[in-house]
N, C-alpha and C. Protein backbone atom coordinates (compact mmCIF):
# COMPACT_ATOMS: atom_id res chain seq x y z
N MET A 1 57.87 -27.94 3.14
CA MET A 1 57.62 -26.66 3.47
C MET A 1 58.25 -26.46 4.91
N ILE A 2 59.16 -25.40 5.15
CA ILE A 2 59.70 -25.13 6.36
C ILE A 2 59.09 -23.85 7.01
N PHE A 3 58.78 -24.03 8.25
CA PHE A 3 58.12 -22.97 9.10
C PHE A 3 59.19 -22.42 9.94
N ALA A 4 58.98 -21.10 10.32
CA ALA A 4 59.78 -20.40 11.20
C ALA A 4 59.67 -21.03 12.58
N ASN A 5 60.84 -21.05 13.44
CA ASN A 5 60.56 -21.34 14.95
C ASN A 5 60.99 -20.29 15.70
N ARG A 6 61.30 -19.15 15.26
CA ARG A 6 61.56 -17.95 15.95
C ARG A 6 60.64 -16.85 15.44
N MET A 7 60.35 -15.86 16.41
CA MET A 7 59.61 -14.73 15.93
C MET A 7 60.09 -13.45 16.79
N LEU A 8 59.75 -12.35 16.20
CA LEU A 8 60.05 -11.00 16.73
C LEU A 8 58.95 -10.27 17.16
N CYS A 9 59.03 -9.58 18.29
CA CYS A 9 57.89 -8.71 18.73
C CYS A 9 58.07 -7.45 18.04
N GLY A 10 56.95 -6.92 17.48
CA GLY A 10 57.04 -5.64 16.77
C GLY A 10 56.95 -4.38 17.64
N PHE A 11 56.70 -4.62 18.91
CA PHE A 11 56.72 -3.63 19.88
C PHE A 11 57.93 -3.30 20.75
N CYS A 12 58.62 -4.29 21.06
CA CYS A 12 59.83 -4.29 21.88
C CYS A 12 61.04 -4.86 21.18
N SER A 13 60.91 -5.60 20.07
CA SER A 13 61.96 -6.24 19.27
C SER A 13 62.56 -7.35 20.02
N LYS A 14 61.84 -8.10 20.85
CA LYS A 14 62.36 -9.22 21.42
C LYS A 14 62.22 -10.43 20.58
N GLU A 15 63.45 -11.23 20.51
CA GLU A 15 63.35 -12.36 19.66
C GLU A 15 63.02 -13.49 20.60
N GLN A 16 62.22 -14.40 20.21
CA GLN A 16 61.56 -15.48 21.14
C GLN A 16 61.22 -16.56 20.30
N ALA A 17 61.08 -17.70 20.88
CA ALA A 17 60.57 -18.81 20.24
C ALA A 17 59.08 -18.72 19.80
N TYR A 18 58.74 -19.42 18.70
CA TYR A 18 57.41 -19.13 18.26
C TYR A 18 56.42 -19.89 18.99
N SER A 19 55.33 -19.32 19.37
CA SER A 19 54.36 -19.89 20.17
C SER A 19 52.78 -19.48 19.51
N SER A 20 52.02 -20.41 19.51
CA SER A 20 50.77 -20.16 18.97
C SER A 20 49.85 -19.29 19.84
N ALA A 21 50.32 -19.11 21.12
CA ALA A 21 49.63 -18.16 22.08
C ALA A 21 49.75 -16.73 21.46
N GLY A 22 50.88 -16.41 21.13
CA GLY A 22 51.00 -15.04 20.27
C GLY A 22 51.22 -13.95 21.21
N SER A 23 51.61 -14.06 22.50
CA SER A 23 52.01 -12.78 23.25
C SER A 23 53.36 -12.75 23.55
N CYS A 24 53.94 -11.59 23.76
CA CYS A 24 55.44 -11.52 23.93
C CYS A 24 55.69 -11.77 25.43
N ILE A 25 56.74 -12.50 25.50
CA ILE A 25 57.23 -12.81 26.96
C ILE A 25 57.96 -11.63 27.64
N GLU A 26 58.32 -10.57 26.94
CA GLU A 26 59.01 -9.41 27.40
C GLU A 26 57.94 -8.40 27.77
N CYS A 27 57.13 -7.87 26.91
CA CYS A 27 56.08 -6.77 27.12
C CYS A 27 54.65 -7.21 27.27
N LYS A 28 54.58 -8.49 27.08
CA LYS A 28 53.11 -8.96 27.29
C LYS A 28 52.02 -8.72 26.15
N ARG A 29 52.54 -7.96 25.16
CA ARG A 29 51.51 -7.64 24.11
C ARG A 29 51.27 -8.70 23.12
N SER A 30 50.21 -8.61 22.39
CA SER A 30 49.85 -9.60 21.51
C SER A 30 50.64 -9.46 20.21
N ILE A 31 51.25 -10.50 19.71
CA ILE A 31 52.07 -10.43 18.64
C ILE A 31 51.24 -10.82 17.48
N LEU A 32 50.38 -11.89 17.37
CA LEU A 32 49.49 -12.36 16.34
C LEU A 32 48.37 -11.45 16.27
N GLY A 33 48.15 -10.90 15.22
CA GLY A 33 46.75 -10.16 15.07
C GLY A 33 45.63 -10.81 14.81
N GLY A 34 44.55 -10.29 14.99
CA GLY A 34 43.32 -10.98 14.91
C GLY A 34 43.06 -11.23 13.38
N SER A 35 42.19 -12.21 13.00
CA SER A 35 42.01 -12.59 11.69
C SER A 35 40.77 -11.85 11.01
N ASN A 36 39.80 -11.20 11.80
CA ASN A 36 38.79 -10.55 11.27
C ASN A 36 38.87 -9.04 11.58
N THR A 37 39.09 -8.13 10.62
CA THR A 37 39.25 -6.74 10.96
C THR A 37 38.28 -6.19 9.72
N THR A 38 37.80 -5.05 9.95
CA THR A 38 36.84 -4.41 8.94
C THR A 38 37.69 -3.63 7.97
N HIS A 39 38.87 -3.18 8.10
CA HIS A 39 39.70 -2.37 7.28
C HIS A 39 40.28 -3.11 6.26
N TRP A 40 41.25 -3.92 6.50
CA TRP A 40 42.15 -4.59 5.60
C TRP A 40 42.01 -6.02 5.51
N GLU A 41 40.82 -6.55 5.95
CA GLU A 41 40.37 -7.88 5.91
C GLU A 41 41.54 -8.97 6.50
N GLY A 42 42.09 -8.69 7.48
CA GLY A 42 42.96 -9.53 8.24
C GLY A 42 44.29 -9.66 7.49
N GLY A 43 44.82 -8.64 6.75
CA GLY A 43 46.04 -8.78 6.03
C GLY A 43 45.94 -9.36 4.78
N LYS A 44 44.87 -9.68 4.20
CA LYS A 44 44.75 -10.14 2.81
C LYS A 44 45.22 -9.14 1.83
N GLY A 45 45.11 -7.86 2.05
CA GLY A 45 45.73 -6.76 1.25
C GLY A 45 44.59 -6.29 0.29
N CYS A 46 43.38 -6.72 0.31
CA CYS A 46 42.40 -6.22 -0.59
C CYS A 46 41.10 -5.92 0.24
N ARG A 47 40.29 -5.06 -0.14
CA ARG A 47 39.05 -4.74 0.63
C ARG A 47 37.80 -5.17 -0.18
N ASN A 48 36.95 -5.82 0.52
CA ASN A 48 35.71 -6.32 -0.23
C ASN A 48 34.72 -5.10 -0.08
N LYS A 49 34.34 -4.46 -1.22
CA LYS A 49 33.53 -3.22 -1.23
C LYS A 49 32.09 -3.71 -0.88
N ASN A 50 31.69 -4.87 -1.10
CA ASN A 50 30.36 -5.34 -0.80
C ASN A 50 30.19 -5.44 0.71
N ARG A 51 31.18 -5.69 1.47
CA ARG A 51 31.13 -5.77 2.98
C ARG A 51 31.45 -4.46 3.62
N MET A 52 31.82 -3.52 3.01
CA MET A 52 32.31 -2.23 3.50
C MET A 52 30.96 -1.49 4.07
N SER A 53 31.11 -0.43 4.86
CA SER A 53 30.11 0.26 5.37
C SER A 53 29.94 1.39 4.24
N ARG A 54 28.56 1.88 4.17
CA ARG A 54 28.23 2.78 3.14
C ARG A 54 28.82 4.07 3.58
N LYS A 55 29.15 4.27 4.88
CA LYS A 55 29.72 5.65 5.19
C LYS A 55 31.24 5.66 4.96
N ASP A 56 31.83 4.55 4.55
CA ASP A 56 33.36 4.57 4.21
C ASP A 56 33.47 5.25 2.86
N PRO A 57 34.28 6.29 2.80
CA PRO A 57 34.46 6.95 1.41
C PRO A 57 35.28 6.05 0.45
N LYS A 58 36.05 5.16 0.96
CA LYS A 58 36.83 4.43 0.02
C LYS A 58 35.98 3.22 -0.84
N LYS A 59 34.80 2.96 -0.28
CA LYS A 59 33.83 2.15 -0.86
C LYS A 59 33.48 2.60 -2.46
N TYR A 60 33.34 4.03 -2.44
CA TYR A 60 32.83 4.51 -3.67
C TYR A 60 34.03 5.24 -4.53
N SER A 61 35.25 4.93 -4.02
CA SER A 61 36.22 5.57 -4.75
C SER A 61 36.46 4.87 -6.38
N ASN A 62 36.93 5.59 -7.27
CA ASN A 62 37.14 5.13 -8.70
C ASN A 62 35.84 4.80 -9.31
N GLN A 63 34.79 5.20 -9.02
CA GLN A 63 33.52 4.86 -9.72
C GLN A 63 33.33 5.91 -10.70
N ALA A 64 33.93 7.03 -10.82
CA ALA A 64 33.69 8.17 -11.78
C ALA A 64 34.74 8.02 -12.93
N LYS A 65 35.51 6.99 -12.95
CA LYS A 65 36.52 6.91 -13.87
C LYS A 65 36.04 6.38 -15.28
N THR A 66 36.30 7.02 -16.26
CA THR A 66 35.89 6.57 -17.53
C THR A 66 36.77 5.20 -18.11
N ILE A 67 36.05 4.35 -18.86
CA ILE A 67 36.73 3.28 -19.21
C ILE A 67 36.73 3.30 -20.90
N PRO A 68 37.90 3.08 -21.51
CA PRO A 68 38.03 3.16 -22.86
C PRO A 68 37.36 2.06 -23.61
N LYS A 69 36.65 2.31 -24.68
CA LYS A 69 36.01 1.33 -25.41
C LYS A 69 36.82 0.21 -25.93
N LYS A 70 38.08 0.49 -26.17
CA LYS A 70 39.05 -0.54 -26.53
C LYS A 70 39.14 -1.67 -25.50
N ASN A 71 38.95 -1.34 -24.34
CA ASN A 71 39.25 -2.34 -23.32
C ASN A 71 37.88 -3.08 -22.85
N THR A 72 36.75 -2.56 -23.28
CA THR A 72 35.47 -2.99 -22.92
C THR A 72 35.04 -4.22 -23.86
N GLY A 73 35.64 -4.32 -25.05
CA GLY A 73 35.41 -5.44 -26.05
C GLY A 73 34.33 -5.04 -26.99
N GLN A 74 33.75 -3.68 -27.01
CA GLN A 74 32.83 -3.24 -27.92
C GLN A 74 33.50 -3.00 -29.18
N LYS A 75 32.74 -3.19 -30.34
CA LYS A 75 33.30 -2.94 -31.61
C LYS A 75 32.96 -1.59 -32.04
N LYS A 76 33.90 -0.98 -32.92
CA LYS A 76 33.73 0.35 -33.43
C LYS A 76 32.50 0.30 -34.42
N ALA A 77 31.71 1.35 -34.43
CA ALA A 77 30.59 1.55 -35.33
C ALA A 77 31.31 2.25 -36.72
N GLY A 78 31.43 1.44 -37.59
CA GLY A 78 32.04 1.88 -38.87
C GLY A 78 31.81 1.12 -39.93
N ARG A 79 32.75 1.16 -40.89
CA ARG A 79 32.61 0.25 -42.17
C ARG A 79 32.80 -1.20 -41.95
N THR A 80 32.03 -2.05 -42.57
CA THR A 80 32.24 -3.35 -42.53
C THR A 80 32.52 -3.91 -43.78
N LYS A 81 33.23 -4.93 -43.89
CA LYS A 81 33.63 -5.40 -45.28
C LYS A 81 33.04 -6.73 -45.66
């Protein structure tokens, strides 16, 4: 596995050597984001609805959708052979 040895600042576009400190040498802003955020779980791309606030409207989104019986695994009530 090969890791990058250069990184770009997203604020001032300065290319610099990779450092674990994570601050830009030009504009002094933090390049590396924090790992614990409440909105997007630190960049994982999905949100845990169990940990979300009950005041967040996205927690209850898509709950009113109907699910077709074909996808639920239920059998049709009908003739049996």
